[in-house]
Amino acid sequence: MSDQIMKASTSGEAVSAQVQVAGRAAEREKVVAITLWRRFLSSSMTGLIYLFLVLMTIFALFPIYYVIQASLAGGQNLYTTDLKLLPANPTIDNYIYVLTQLPLLNWIANTFFICSMTTIIGLVFSVSGAYALSRFRLRGREIGLNLLLAIQAFPGLLALTAYYVLLNKLGLLNSLVGLVVIYAGGSLVFGTWNMKGYFDTLPVELEQAALIDGATTTQAFLRVTLPLAAPALAASALFMFIGGWNEYALANLVLNSNATGSNLTFVLGLFALQGDFRTPWGYFAASSVVISVPLILLFLYAQRFFQSGLTIGSVKG
């Protein structure tokens, strides 16, 4: 009887062990299946993300490709039935024409002068104003900030008549200086708000330490705060520069073409190429490519100033 009981007990333990082994195997299979499913979902999401990025890259680069191939086609047609990536007989005739027969270099020089002076004047006044609004608790400070924001909400085109009357009174119509005055005034609001927000993030203890070491308020601003604000300065400068680089309406209001058209900005010059019934798209595309080169070089140069975390660890807790 006892032998039967022992055999039954042994067989029960064996069955229980088999059940446990089967359960563990099922759990492992379940874990493996879940892991494979998660990997599949992760791979699918990664693939969709890369597909989206590739499509957006093509979408962004296609206009550039289209302009370049139109400039190399040699003719003045914008549309073609040729499905090749590049024209069958690429030529630089359009580039030679715009560089030798059009005052393109004058247009670029005028635009560069206007944008450079706008950026310098806008930065000087916006940086000083932003620093005062950030560091000093002036009477009417909040009202002034809200007023600047309200001014920014109105489109600049609403002030075309006022700009014209003002420049006419000052004798600055049809002059590059008049356009600089308008652009610099319009860039002050954005520059002040942008720089003020960045100055708020810089620890005031850095300036206080400089004052304790014997520096004046101006020296602390120029030698401590301003170098740390280089990323915001670069961003503000680029936005101010680009704002004048691509602007058309105000430039068309202020500047009138002379006999050769050499006193225009490049945007006005490009629009001057249009005829009543036909537009020379080859010259238009070649001029656009040439004009984009200085801006690309400026972006590449300004990249070194776009840095973050300059002040991390500069103040002990």
C-alpha atoms as a PDB file:
ATOM      1  CA  MET A   1       0.000   0.000   0.000  1.00  0.00           C
ATOM      2  CA  SER A   2       2.782   2.379   0.903  1.00  0.00           C
ATOM      3  CA  ASP A   3       4.561   1.528  -2.360  1.00  0.00           C
ATOM      4  CA  GLN A   4       1.443   2.523  -4.292  1.00  0.00           C
ATOM      5  CA  ILE A   5       1.199   5.775  -2.366  1.00  0.00           C
ATOM      6  CA  MET A   6       4.866   6.560  -3.080  1.00  0.00           C
ATOM      7  CA  LYS A   7       4.430   5.780  -6.790  1.00  0.00           C
ATOM      8  CA  ALA A   8       1.327   8.003  -6.938  1.00  0.00           C
ATOM      9  CA  SER A   9       3.178  10.796  -5.161  1.00  0.00           C
ATOM     10  CA  THR A  10       6.159  10.468  -7.521  1.00  0.00           C
ATOM     11  CA  SER A  11       3.936  10.463 -10.582  1.00  0.00           C
ATOM     12  CA  GLY A  12       2.089  13.566  -9.228  1.00  0.00           C
ATOM     13  CA  GLU A  13       5.346  15.393  -8.703  1.00  0.00           C
ATOM     14  CA  ALA A  14       6.433  14.441 -12.233  1.00  0.00           C
ATOM     15  CA  VAL A  15       3.174  15.730 -13.691  1.00  0.00           C
ATOM     16  CA  SER A  16       3.509  18.944 -11.659  1.00  0.00           C
ATOM     17  CA  ALA A  17       7.067  19.427 -12.902  1.00  0.00           C
ATOM     18  CA  GLN A  18       5.943  18.880 -16.480  1.00  0.00           C
ATOM     19  CA  VAL A  19       3.157  21.419 -16.004  1.00  0.00           C
ATOM     20  CA  GLN A  20       5.618  23.946 -14.603  1.00  0.00           C
ATOM     21  CA  VAL A  21       8.029  23.365 -17.480  1.00  0.00           C
ATOM     22  CA  ALA A  22       5.208  23.755 -19.994  1.00  0.00           C
ATOM     23  CA  GLY A  23       4.045  26.939 -18.260  1.00  0.00           C
ATOM     24  CA  ARG A  24       7.538  28.399 -18.314  1.00  0.00           C
ATOM     25  CA  ALA A  25       7.903  27.532 -21.989  1.00  0.00           C
ATOM     26  CA  ALA A  26       4.573  29.211 -22.729  1.00  0.00           C
ATOM     27  CA  GLU A  27       5.643  32.302 -20.794  1.00  0.00           C
ATOM     28  CA  ARG A  28       8.942  32.414 -22.708  1.00  0.00           C
ATOM     29  CA  GLU A  29       7.099  32.104 -25.998  1.00  0.00           C
ATOM     30  CA  LYS A  30       4.759  34.876 -24.924  1.00  0.00           C
ATOM     31  CA  VAL A  31       7.674  37.105 -23.939  1.00  0.00           C
ATOM     32  CA  VAL A  32       9.425  36.363 -27.234  1.00  0.00           C
ATOM     33  CA  ALA A  33       6.259  37.147 -29.179  1.00  0.00           C
ATOM     34  CA  ILE A  34       5.776  40.438 -27.305  1.00  0.00           C
ATOM     35  CA  THR A  35       9.422  41.353 -27.839  1.00  0.00           C
ATOM     36  CA  LEU A  36       9.222  40.611 -31.553  1.00  0.00           C
ATOM     37  CA  TRP A  37       6.007  42.634 -31.827  1.00  0.00           C
ATOM     38  CA  ARG A  38       7.572  45.594 -30.036  1.00  0.00           C
ATOM     39  CA  ARG A  39      10.620  45.400 -32.291  1.00  0.00           C
ATOM     40  CA  PHE A  40       8.347  45.308 -35.310  1.00  0.00           C
ATOM     41  CA  LEU A  41       6.428  48.353 -34.111  1.00  0.00           C
ATOM     42  CA  SER A  42       9.661  50.181 -33.310  1.00  0.00           C
ATOM     43  CA  SER A  43      11.158  49.330 -36.708  1.00  0.00           C
ATOM     44  CA  SER A  44       7.922  50.357 -38.445  1.00  0.00           C
ATOM     45  CA  MET A  45       7.837  53.713 -36.619  1.00  0.00           C
ATOM     46  CA  THR A  46      11.510  54.319 -37.417  1.00  0.00           C
ATOM     47  CA  GLY A  47      10.892  53.463 -41.055  1.00  0.00           C
ATOM     48  CA  LEU A  48       7.899  55.814 -41.214  1.00  0.00           C
ATOM     49  CA  ILE A  49       9.930  58.598 -39.600  1.00  0.00           C
ATOM     50  CA  TYR A  50      12.761  58.168 -42.114  1.00  0.00           C
ATOM     51  CA  LEU A  51      10.254  58.028 -44.965  1.00  0.00           C
ATOM     52  CA  PHE A  52       8.668  61.247 -43.740  1.00  0.00           C
ATOM     53  CA  LEU A  53      12.080  62.923 -43.449  1.00  0.00           C
ATOM     54  CA  VAL A  54      13.065  61.810 -46.950  1.00  0.00           C
ATOM     55  CA  LEU A  55       9.806  63.133 -48.407  1.00  0.00           C
ATOM     56  CA  MET A  56      10.206  66.462 -46.588  1.00  0.00           C
ATOM     57  CA  THR A  57      13.807  66.720 -47.786  1.00  0.00           C
ATOM     58  CA  ILE A  58      12.728  66.147 -51.373  1.00  0.00           C
ATOM     59  CA  PHE A  59       9.919  68.659 -50.902  1.00  0.00           C
ATOM     60  CA  ALA A  60      12.400  71.250 -49.571  1.00  0.00           C
ATOM     61  CA  LEU A  61      15.144  70.655 -52.142  1.00  0.00           C
ATOM     62  CA  PHE A  62      12.964  70.365 -55.248  1.00  0.00           C
ATOM     63  CA  PRO A  63      12.484  74.162 -55.705  1.00  0.00           C
ATOM     64  CA  ILE A  64      16.272  74.631 -55.492  1.00  0.00           C
ATOM     65  CA  TYR A  65      16.834  71.899 -58.068  1.00  0.00           C
ATOM     66  CA  TYR A  66      14.142  73.380 -60.297  1.00  0.00           C
ATOM     67  CA  VAL A  67      15.743  76.836 -60.258  1.00  0.00           C
ATOM     68  CA  ILE A  68      19.242  75.452 -60.912  1.00  0.00           C
ATOM     69  CA  GLN A  69      18.143  73.305 -63.858  1.00  0.00           C
ATOM     70  CA  ALA A  70      16.191  76.246 -65.305  1.00  0.00           C
ATOM     71  CA  SER A  71      19.287  78.433 -65.040  1.00  0.00           C
ATOM     72  CA  LEU A  72      21.410  75.841 -66.862  1.00  0.00           C
ATOM     73  CA  ALA A  73      18.892  75.135 -69.629  1.00  0.00           C
ATOM     74  CA  GLY A  74      20.131  78.035 -71.729  1.00  0.00           C
ATOM     75  CA  GLY A  75      16.671  79.118 -72.864  1.00  0.00           C
ATOM     76  CA  GLN A  76      14.106  81.354 -71.199  1.00  0.00           C
ATOM     77  CA  ASN A  77      11.418  78.730 -70.648  1.00  0.00           C
ATOM     78  CA  LEU A  78      10.430  77.678 -67.158  1.00  0.00           C
ATOM     79  CA  TYR A  79       8.572  74.482 -68.120  1.00  0.00           C
ATOM     80  CA  THR A  80       9.952  71.599 -70.127  1.00  0.00           C
ATOM     81  CA  THR A  81       8.865  68.138 -71.182  1.00  0.00           C
ATOM     82  CA  ASP A  82      12.384  66.787 -70.680  1.00  0.00           C
ATOM     83  CA  LEU A  83      12.336  64.244 -67.851  1.00  0.00           C
ATOM     84  CA  LYS A  84      16.103  64.268 -67.341  1.00  0.00           C
ATOM     85  CA  LEU A  85      17.552  65.440 -64.038  1.00  0.00           C
ATOM     86  CA  LEU A  86      19.645  68.039 -65.868  1.00  0.00           C
ATOM     87  CA  PRO A  87      19.132  69.720 -69.240  1.00  0.00           C
ATOM     88  CA  ALA A  88      20.389  67.798 -72.247  1.00  0.00           C
ATOM     89  CA  ASN A  89      22.911  70.536 -73.085  1.00  0.00           C
ATOM     90  CA  PRO A  90      23.621  72.483 -69.896  1.00  0.00           C
ATOM     91  CA  THR A  91      25.219  75.879 -70.399  1.00  0.00           C
ATOM     92  CA  ILE A  92      26.219  78.878 -68.290  1.00  0.00           C
ATOM     93  CA  ASP A  93      25.080  81.430 -70.876  1.00  0.00           C
ATOM     94  CA  ASN A  94      22.411  82.749 -68.510  1.00  0.00           C
ATOM     95  CA  TYR A  95      25.000  83.326 -65.794  1.00  0.00           C
ATOM     96  CA  ILE A  96      27.330  85.113 -68.216  1.00  0.00           C
ATOM     97  CA  TYR A  97      24.491  87.359 -69.343  1.00  0.00           C
ATOM     98  CA  VAL A  98      23.290  88.378 -65.883  1.00  0.00           C
ATOM     99  CA  LEU A  99      26.844  89.049 -64.679  1.00  0.00           C
ATOM    100  CA  THR A 100      27.897  91.067 -67.727  1.00  0.00           C
ATOM    101  CA  GLN A 101      24.715  92.618 -69.147  1.00  0.00           C
ATOM    102  CA  LEU A 102      22.711  93.279 -65.986  1.00  0.00           C
ATOM    103  CA  PRO A 103      23.740  95.444 -62.983  1.00  0.00           C
ATOM    104  CA  LEU A 104      23.434  92.357 -60.793  1.00  0.00           C
ATOM    105  CA  LEU A 105      26.518  93.143 -58.718  1.00  0.00           C
ATOM    106  CA  ASN A 106      25.153  96.636 -58.054  1.00  0.00           C
ATOM    107  CA  TRP A 107      21.880  95.110 -56.900  1.00  0.00           C
ATOM    108  CA  ILE A 108      23.721  92.777 -54.534  1.00  0.00           C
ATOM    109  CA  ALA A 109      25.918  95.606 -53.213  1.00  0.00           C
ATOM    110  CA  ASN A 110      22.893  97.851 -52.595  1.00  0.00           C
ATOM    111  CA  THR A 111      21.001  95.093 -50.845  1.00  0.00           C
ATOM    112  CA  PHE A 112      24.027  94.134 -48.753  1.00  0.00           C
ATOM    113  CA  PHE A 113      24.556  97.762 -47.703  1.00  0.00           C
ATOM    114  CA  ILE A 114      20.913  98.190 -46.717  1.00  0.00           C
ATOM    115  CA  CYS A 115      20.740  94.923 -44.776  1.00  0.00           C
ATOM    116  CA  SER A 116      24.109  95.445 -43.063  1.00  0.00           C
ATOM    117  CA  MET A 117      23.266  98.973 -41.885  1.00  0.00           C
ATOM    118  CA  THR A 118      19.805  97.801 -40.814  1.00  0.00           C
ATOM    119  CA  THR A 119      21.328  94.978 -38.781  1.00  0.00           C
ATOM    120  CA  ILE A 120      23.944  97.184 -37.120  1.00  0.00           C
ATOM    121  CA  ILE A 121      21.515  99.972 -36.207  1.00  0.00           C
ATOM    122  CA  GLY A 122      18.824  97.527 -35.139  1.00  0.00           C
ATOM    123  CA  LEU A 123      21.205  95.541 -32.935  1.00  0.00           C
ATOM    124  CA  VAL A 124      22.698  98.609 -31.233  1.00  0.00           C
ATOM    125  CA  PHE A 125      19.341 100.044 -30.214  1.00  0.00           C
ATOM    126  CA  SER A 126      17.515  96.771 -29.542  1.00  0.00           C
ATOM    127  CA  VAL A 127      20.339  95.333 -27.402  1.00  0.00           C
ATOM    128  CA  SER A 128      20.617  98.444 -25.262  1.00  0.00           C
ATOM    129  CA  GLY A 129      16.850  98.697 -24.874  1.00  0.00           C
ATOM    130  CA  ALA A 130      16.459  94.983 -24.147  1.00  0.00           C
ATOM    131  CA  TYR A 131      19.193  95.088 -21.489  1.00  0.00           C
ATOM    132  CA  ALA A 132      17.545  98.041 -19.765  1.00  0.00           C
ATOM    133  CA  LEU A 133      14.143  96.337 -19.816  1.00  0.00           C
ATOM    134  CA  SER A 134      15.647  93.094 -18.489  1.00  0.00           C
ATOM    135  CA  ARG A 135      17.861  94.421 -15.702  1.00  0.00           C
ATOM    136  CA  PHE A 136      16.206  97.635 -14.522  1.00  0.00           C
ATOM    137  CA  ARG A 137      12.739  97.949 -13.036  1.00  0.00           C
ATOM    138  CA  LEU A 138      11.776 101.170 -14.785  1.00  0.00           C
ATOM    139  CA  ARG A 139       8.486 102.981 -14.362  1.00  0.00           C
ATOM    140  CA  GLY A 140       6.211 102.006 -17.241  1.00  0.00           C
ATOM    141  CA  ARG A 141       8.337  98.977 -18.097  1.00  0.00           C
ATOM    142  CA  GLU A 142       5.433  96.569 -18.493  1.00  0.00           C
ATOM    143  CA  ILE A 143       3.422  99.121 -20.442  1.00  0.00           C
ATOM    144  CA  GLY A 144       6.348  99.652 -22.783  1.00  0.00           C
ATOM    145  CA  LEU A 145       6.770  95.916 -23.382  1.00  0.00           C
ATOM    146  CA  ASN A 146       3.068  95.470 -24.090  1.00  0.00           C
ATOM    147  CA  LEU A 147       3.139  98.482 -26.404  1.00  0.00           C
ATOM    148  CA  LEU A 148       6.018  96.984 -28.375  1.00  0.00           C
ATOM    149  CA  LEU A 149       4.105  93.719 -28.693  1.00  0.00           C
ATOM    150  CA  ALA A 150       0.996  95.582 -29.855  1.00  0.00           C
ATOM    151  CA  ILE A 151       3.025  97.444 -32.487  1.00  0.00           C
ATOM    152  CA  GLN A 152       4.419  94.143 -33.750  1.00  0.00           C
ATOM    153  CA  ALA A 153       0.884  92.853 -34.263  1.00  0.00           C
ATOM    154  CA  PHE A 154       0.163  95.417 -37.001  1.00  0.00           C
ATOM    155  CA  PRO A 155       1.468  94.673 -40.510  1.00  0.00           C
ATOM    156  CA  GLY A 156       4.108  97.074 -41.729  1.00  0.00           C
ATOM    157  CA  LEU A 157       2.198  97.619 -44.967  1.00  0.00           C
ATOM    158  CA  LEU A 158      -0.397  99.621 -43.034  1.00  0.00           C
ATOM    159  CA  ALA A 159       2.222 102.336 -42.548  1.00  0.00           C
ATOM    160  CA  LEU A 160       3.134 102.737 -46.231  1.00  0.00           C
ATOM    161  CA  THR A 161       1.518 106.161 -46.494  1.00  0.00           C
ATOM    162  CA  ALA A 162       3.106 107.319 -43.255  1.00  0.00           C
ATOM    163  CA  TYR A 163       6.518 106.087 -44.397  1.00  0.00           C
ATOM    164  CA  TYR A 164       6.164 107.907 -47.698  1.00  0.00           C
ATOM    165  CA  VAL A 165       5.176 111.208 -46.080  1.00  0.00           C
ATOM    166  CA  LEU A 166       7.924 110.949 -43.469  1.00  0.00           C
ATOM    167  CA  LEU A 167      10.677 110.155 -45.977  1.00  0.00           C
ATOM    168  CA  ASN A 168       9.433 112.884 -48.280  1.00  0.00           C
ATOM    169  CA  LYS A 169       9.700 115.423 -45.456  1.00  0.00           C
ATOM    170  CA  LEU A 170      13.208 114.206 -44.634  1.00  0.00           C
ATOM    171  CA  GLY A 171      14.297 114.192 -48.263  1.00  0.00           C
ATOM    172  CA  LEU A 172      15.128 110.480 -48.161  1.00  0.00           C
ATOM    173  CA  LEU A 173      12.868 109.233 -50.937  1.00  0.00           C
ATOM    174  CA  ASN A 174      14.645 107.227 -53.639  1.00  0.00           C
ATOM    175  CA  SER A 175      17.678 106.703 -51.407  1.00  0.00           C
ATOM    176  CA  LEU A 176      19.167 103.652 -49.771  1.00  0.00           C
ATOM    177  CA  VAL A 177      19.433 105.535 -46.465  1.00  0.00           C
ATOM    178  CA  GLY A 178      15.677 106.032 -46.385  1.00  0.00           C
ATOM    179  CA  LEU A 179      15.155 102.302 -46.773  1.00  0.00           C
ATOM    180  CA  VAL A 180      17.668 101.657 -43.978  1.00  0.00           C
ATOM    181  CA  VAL A 181      15.703 103.966 -41.658  1.00  0.00           C
ATOM    182  CA  ILE A 182      12.446 102.092 -42.313  1.00  0.00           C
ATOM    183  CA  TYR A 183      13.963  98.622 -41.978  1.00  0.00           C
ATOM    184  CA  ALA A 184      15.899  99.508 -38.816  1.00  0.00           C
ATOM    185  CA  GLY A 185      12.807 100.933 -37.166  1.00  0.00           C
ATOM    186  CA  GLY A 186      10.792  97.854 -38.060  1.00  0.00           C
ATOM    187  CA  SER A 187      13.429  95.473 -36.720  1.00  0.00           C
ATOM    188  CA  LEU A 188      13.673  97.124 -33.303  1.00  0.00           C
ATOM    189  CA  VAL A 189      10.556  95.475 -31.903  1.00  0.00           C
ATOM    190  CA  PHE A 190      11.577  91.927 -32.730  1.00  0.00           C
ATOM    191  CA  GLY A 191      15.186  92.517 -31.697  1.00  0.00           C
ATOM    192  CA  THR A 192      14.212  94.048 -28.373  1.00  0.00           C
ATOM    193  CA  TRP A 193      11.836  91.237 -27.444  1.00  0.00           C
ATOM    194  CA  ASN A 194      14.234  88.523 -28.563  1.00  0.00           C
ATOM    195  CA  MET A 195      17.240  89.962 -26.728  1.00  0.00           C
ATOM    196  CA  LYS A 196      15.204  90.806 -23.620  1.00  0.00           C
ATOM    197  CA  GLY A 197      14.052  87.203 -23.297  1.00  0.00           C
ATOM    198  CA  TYR A 198      17.637  85.961 -23.586  1.00  0.00           C
ATOM    199  CA  PHE A 199      19.011  88.496 -21.106  1.00  0.00           C
ATOM    200  CA  ASP A 200      16.399  87.267 -18.605  1.00  0.00           C
ATOM    201  CA  THR A 201      17.985  83.794 -18.733  1.00  0.00           C
ATOM    202  CA  LEU A 202      21.509  85.045 -17.947  1.00  0.00           C
ATOM    203  CA  PRO A 203      22.360  85.016 -14.223  1.00  0.00           C
ATOM    204  CA  VAL A 204      22.663  88.528 -12.831  1.00  0.00           C
ATOM    205  CA  GLU A 205      25.272  87.164 -10.406  1.00  0.00           C
ATOM    206  CA  LEU A 206      27.827  87.197 -13.225  1.00  0.00           C
ATOM    207  CA  GLU A 207      27.496  90.945 -13.603  1.00  0.00           C
ATOM    208  CA  GLN A 208      27.501  91.439  -9.843  1.00  0.00           C
ATOM    209  CA  ALA A 209      30.762  89.483  -9.615  1.00  0.00           C
ATOM    210  CA  ALA A 210      32.279  91.734 -12.288  1.00  0.00           C
ATOM    211  CA  LEU A 211      31.140  94.834 -10.385  1.00  0.00           C
ATOM    212  CA  ILE A 212      32.722  93.504  -7.194  1.00  0.00           C
ATOM    213  CA  ASP A 213      35.981  92.993  -9.122  1.00  0.00           C
ATOM    214  CA  GLY A 214      35.986  96.683 -10.004  1.00  0.00           C
ATOM    215  CA  ALA A 215      34.262  96.775 -13.390  1.00  0.00           C
ATOM    216  CA  THR A 216      31.766  99.479 -14.242  1.00  0.00           C
ATOM    217  CA  THR A 217      28.227  98.697 -15.330  1.00  0.00           C
ATOM    218  CA  THR A 218      29.185  99.336 -18.949  1.00  0.00           C
ATOM    219  CA  GLN A 219      32.255  97.114 -18.715  1.00  0.00           C
ATOM    220  CA  ALA A 220      30.230  94.320 -17.100  1.00  0.00           C
ATOM    221  CA  PHE A 221      27.697  94.567 -19.918  1.00  0.00           C
ATOM    222  CA  LEU A 222      30.264  94.631 -22.734  1.00  0.00           C
ATOM    223  CA  ARG A 223      32.718  92.068 -21.358  1.00  0.00           C
ATOM    224  CA  VAL A 224      30.454  89.635 -19.504  1.00  0.00           C
ATOM    225  CA  THR A 225      26.814  89.808 -20.574  1.00  0.00           C
ATOM    226  CA  LEU A 226      27.203  90.595 -24.257  1.00  0.00           C
ATOM    227  CA  PRO A 227      29.627  87.720 -25.061  1.00  0.00           C
ATOM    228  CA  LEU A 228      27.292  85.272 -23.315  1.00  0.00           C
ATOM    229  CA  ALA A 229      24.404  86.557 -25.430  1.00  0.00           C
ATOM    230  CA  ALA A 230      26.198  85.716 -28.695  1.00  0.00           C
ATOM    231  CA  PRO A 231      23.587  83.087 -29.785  1.00  0.00           C
ATOM    232  CA  ALA A 232      20.725  85.560 -29.367  1.00  0.00           C
ATOM    233  CA  LEU A 233      22.756  88.277 -31.068  1.00  0.00           C
ATOM    234  CA  ALA A 234      23.432  86.004 -34.034  1.00  0.00           C
ATOM    235  CA  ALA A 235      19.779  84.965 -34.301  1.00  0.00           C
ATOM    236  CA  SER A 236      18.547  88.557 -34.096  1.00  0.00           C
ATOM    237  CA  ALA A 237      21.133  89.724 -36.615  1.00  0.00           C
ATOM    238  CA  LEU A 238      20.178  87.002 -39.097  1.00  0.00           C
ATOM    239  CA  PHE A 239      16.467  87.745 -38.833  1.00  0.00           C
ATOM    240  CA  MET A 240      17.100  91.469 -39.281  1.00  0.00           C
ATOM    241  CA  PHE A 241      19.375  90.841 -42.245  1.00  0.00           C
ATOM    242  CA  ILE A 242      17.012  88.409 -43.966  1.00  0.00           C
ATOM    243  CA  GLY A 243      14.034  90.682 -43.303  1.00  0.00           C
ATOM    244  CA  GLY A 244      15.573  93.361 -45.482  1.00  0.00           C
ATOM    245  CA  TRP A 245      17.148  90.915 -47.940  1.00  0.00           C
ATOM    246  CA  ASN A 246      13.834  89.562 -49.237  1.00  0.00           C
ATOM    247  CA  GLU A 247      11.562  92.603 -48.745  1.00  0.00           C
ATOM    248  CA  TYR A 248       9.777  94.043 -51.768  1.00  0.00           C
ATOM    249  CA  ALA A 249       6.828  96.307 -50.911  1.00  0.00           C
ATOM    250  CA  LEU A 250       8.678  98.975 -48.919  1.00  0.00           C
ATOM    251  CA  ALA A 251      11.645  98.918 -51.305  1.00  0.00           C
ATOM    252  CA  ASN A 252       9.287  99.442 -54.220  1.00  0.00           C
ATOM    253  CA  LEU A 253       7.756 102.405 -52.376  1.00  0.00           C
ATOM    254  CA  VAL A 254      11.062 104.136 -51.626  1.00  0.00           C
ATOM    255  CA  LEU A 255      13.264 103.376 -54.642  1.00  0.00           C
ATOM    256  CA  ASN A 256      12.659 104.373 -58.237  1.00  0.00           C
ATOM    257  CA  SER A 257      14.819 102.918 -60.983  1.00  0.00           C
ATOM    258  CA  ASN A 258      17.337 105.163 -62.670  1.00  0.00           C
ATOM    259  CA  ALA A 259      18.303 104.882 -66.337  1.00  0.00           C
ATOM    260  CA  THR A 260      20.306 101.684 -65.828  1.00  0.00           C
ATOM    261  CA  GLY A 261      18.463 100.316 -62.800  1.00  0.00           C
ATOM    262  CA  SER A 262      21.712 100.098 -60.837  1.00  0.00           C
ATOM    263  CA  ASN A 263      20.233 101.821 -57.775  1.00  0.00           C
ATOM    264  CA  LEU A 264      17.730  99.036 -57.053  1.00  0.00           C
ATOM    265  CA  THR A 265      17.861  96.167 -54.618  1.00  0.00           C
ATOM    266  CA  PHE A 266      18.088  92.720 -56.132  1.00  0.00           C
ATOM    267  CA  VAL A 267      14.415  91.953 -55.453  1.00  0.00           C
ATOM    268  CA  LEU A 268      13.342  95.042 -57.385  1.00  0.00           C
ATOM    269  CA  GLY A 269      15.906  94.243 -60.050  1.00  0.00           C
ATOM    270  CA  LEU A 270      14.531  90.748 -60.545  1.00  0.00           C
ATOM    271  CA  PHE A 271      10.995  92.040 -60.875  1.00  0.00           C
ATOM    272  CA  ALA A 272      12.246  94.647 -63.339  1.00  0.00           C
ATOM    273  CA  LEU A 273      13.263  91.792 -65.659  1.00  0.00           C
ATOM    274  CA  GLN A 274       9.617  90.941 -66.266  1.00  0.00           C
ATOM    275  CA  GLY A 275       8.124  92.148 -69.507  1.00  0.00           C
ATOM    276  CA  ASP A 276       4.516  92.847 -70.340  1.00  0.00           C
ATOM    277  CA  PHE A 277       4.043  89.562 -72.164  1.00  0.00           C
ATOM    278  CA  ARG A 278       7.095  87.419 -71.377  1.00  0.00           C
ATOM    279  CA  THR A 279       9.454  86.768 -68.493  1.00  0.00           C
ATOM    280  CA  PRO A 280      13.063  85.671 -69.135  1.00  0.00           C
ATOM    281  CA  TRP A 281      12.995  82.780 -66.698  1.00  0.00           C
ATOM    282  CA  GLY A 282      16.540  81.692 -67.508  1.00  0.00           C
ATOM    283  CA  TYR A 283      17.980  85.062 -66.480  1.00  0.00           C
ATOM    284  CA  PHE A 284      15.609  85.146 -63.531  1.00  0.00           C
ATOM    285  CA  ALA A 285      16.771  81.717 -62.317  1.00  0.00           C
ATOM    286  CA  ALA A 286      20.476  82.438 -62.853  1.00  0.00           C
ATOM    287  CA  SER A 287      20.189  85.719 -60.948  1.00  0.00           C
ATOM    288  CA  SER A 288      18.398  83.955 -58.106  1.00  0.00           C
ATOM    289  CA  VAL A 289      21.177  81.366 -57.810  1.00  0.00           C
ATOM    290  CA  VAL A 290      23.906  84.021 -57.788  1.00  0.00           C
ATOM    291  CA  ILE A 291      22.084  86.134 -55.227  1.00  0.00           C
ATOM    292  CA  SER A 292      21.540  83.186 -52.887  1.00  0.00           C
ATOM    293  CA  VAL A 293      25.293  82.528 -52.559  1.00  0.00           C
ATOM    294  CA  PRO A 294      26.065  85.446 -50.154  1.00  0.00           C
ATOM    295  CA  LEU A 295      23.176  84.477 -47.892  1.00  0.00           C
ATOM    296  CA  ILE A 296      24.315  80.843 -47.778  1.00  0.00           C
ATOM    297  CA  LEU A 297      27.849  81.946 -46.862  1.00  0.00           C
ATOM    298  CA  LEU A 298      26.429  84.174 -44.145  1.00  0.00           C
ATOM    299  CA  PHE A 299      24.480  81.271 -42.651  1.00  0.00           C
ATOM    300  CA  LEU A 300      27.549  79.038 -42.704  1.00  0.00           C
ATOM    301  CA  TYR A 301      29.600  81.711 -40.955  1.00  0.00           C
ATOM    302  CA  ALA A 302      26.929  82.422 -38.339  1.00  0.00           C
ATOM    303  CA  GLN A 303      26.583  78.770 -37.329  1.00  0.00           C
ATOM    304  CA  ARG A 304      29.513  79.071 -34.937  1.00  0.00           C
ATOM    305  CA  PHE A 305      27.544  81.534 -32.833  1.00  0.00           C
ATOM    306  CA  PHE A 306      24.524  79.285 -32.394  1.00  0.00           C
ATOM    307  CA  GLN A 307      25.588  77.598 -29.193  1.00  0.00           C
ATOM    308  CA  SER A 308      23.710  76.641 -26.084  1.00  0.00           C
ATOM    309  CA  GLY A 309      24.591  75.994 -22.500  1.00  0.00           C
ATOM    310  CA  LEU A 310      27.228  78.699 -22.331  1.00  0.00           C
ATOM    311  CA  THR A 311      26.379  79.611 -18.756  1.00  0.00           C
ATOM    312  CA  ILE A 312      25.713  76.138 -17.332  1.00  0.00           C
ATOM    313  CA  GLY A 313      27.812  75.742 -14.203  1.00  0.00           C
ATOM    314  CA  SER A 314      28.979  79.354 -14.263  1.00  0.00           C
ATOM    315  CA  VAL A 315      27.250  80.122 -10.957  1.00  0.00           C
ATOM    316  CA  LYS A 316      27.715  77.948  -7.888  1.00  0.00           C
ATOM    317  CA  GLY A 317      24.524  76.787  -6.234  1.00  0.00           C
END
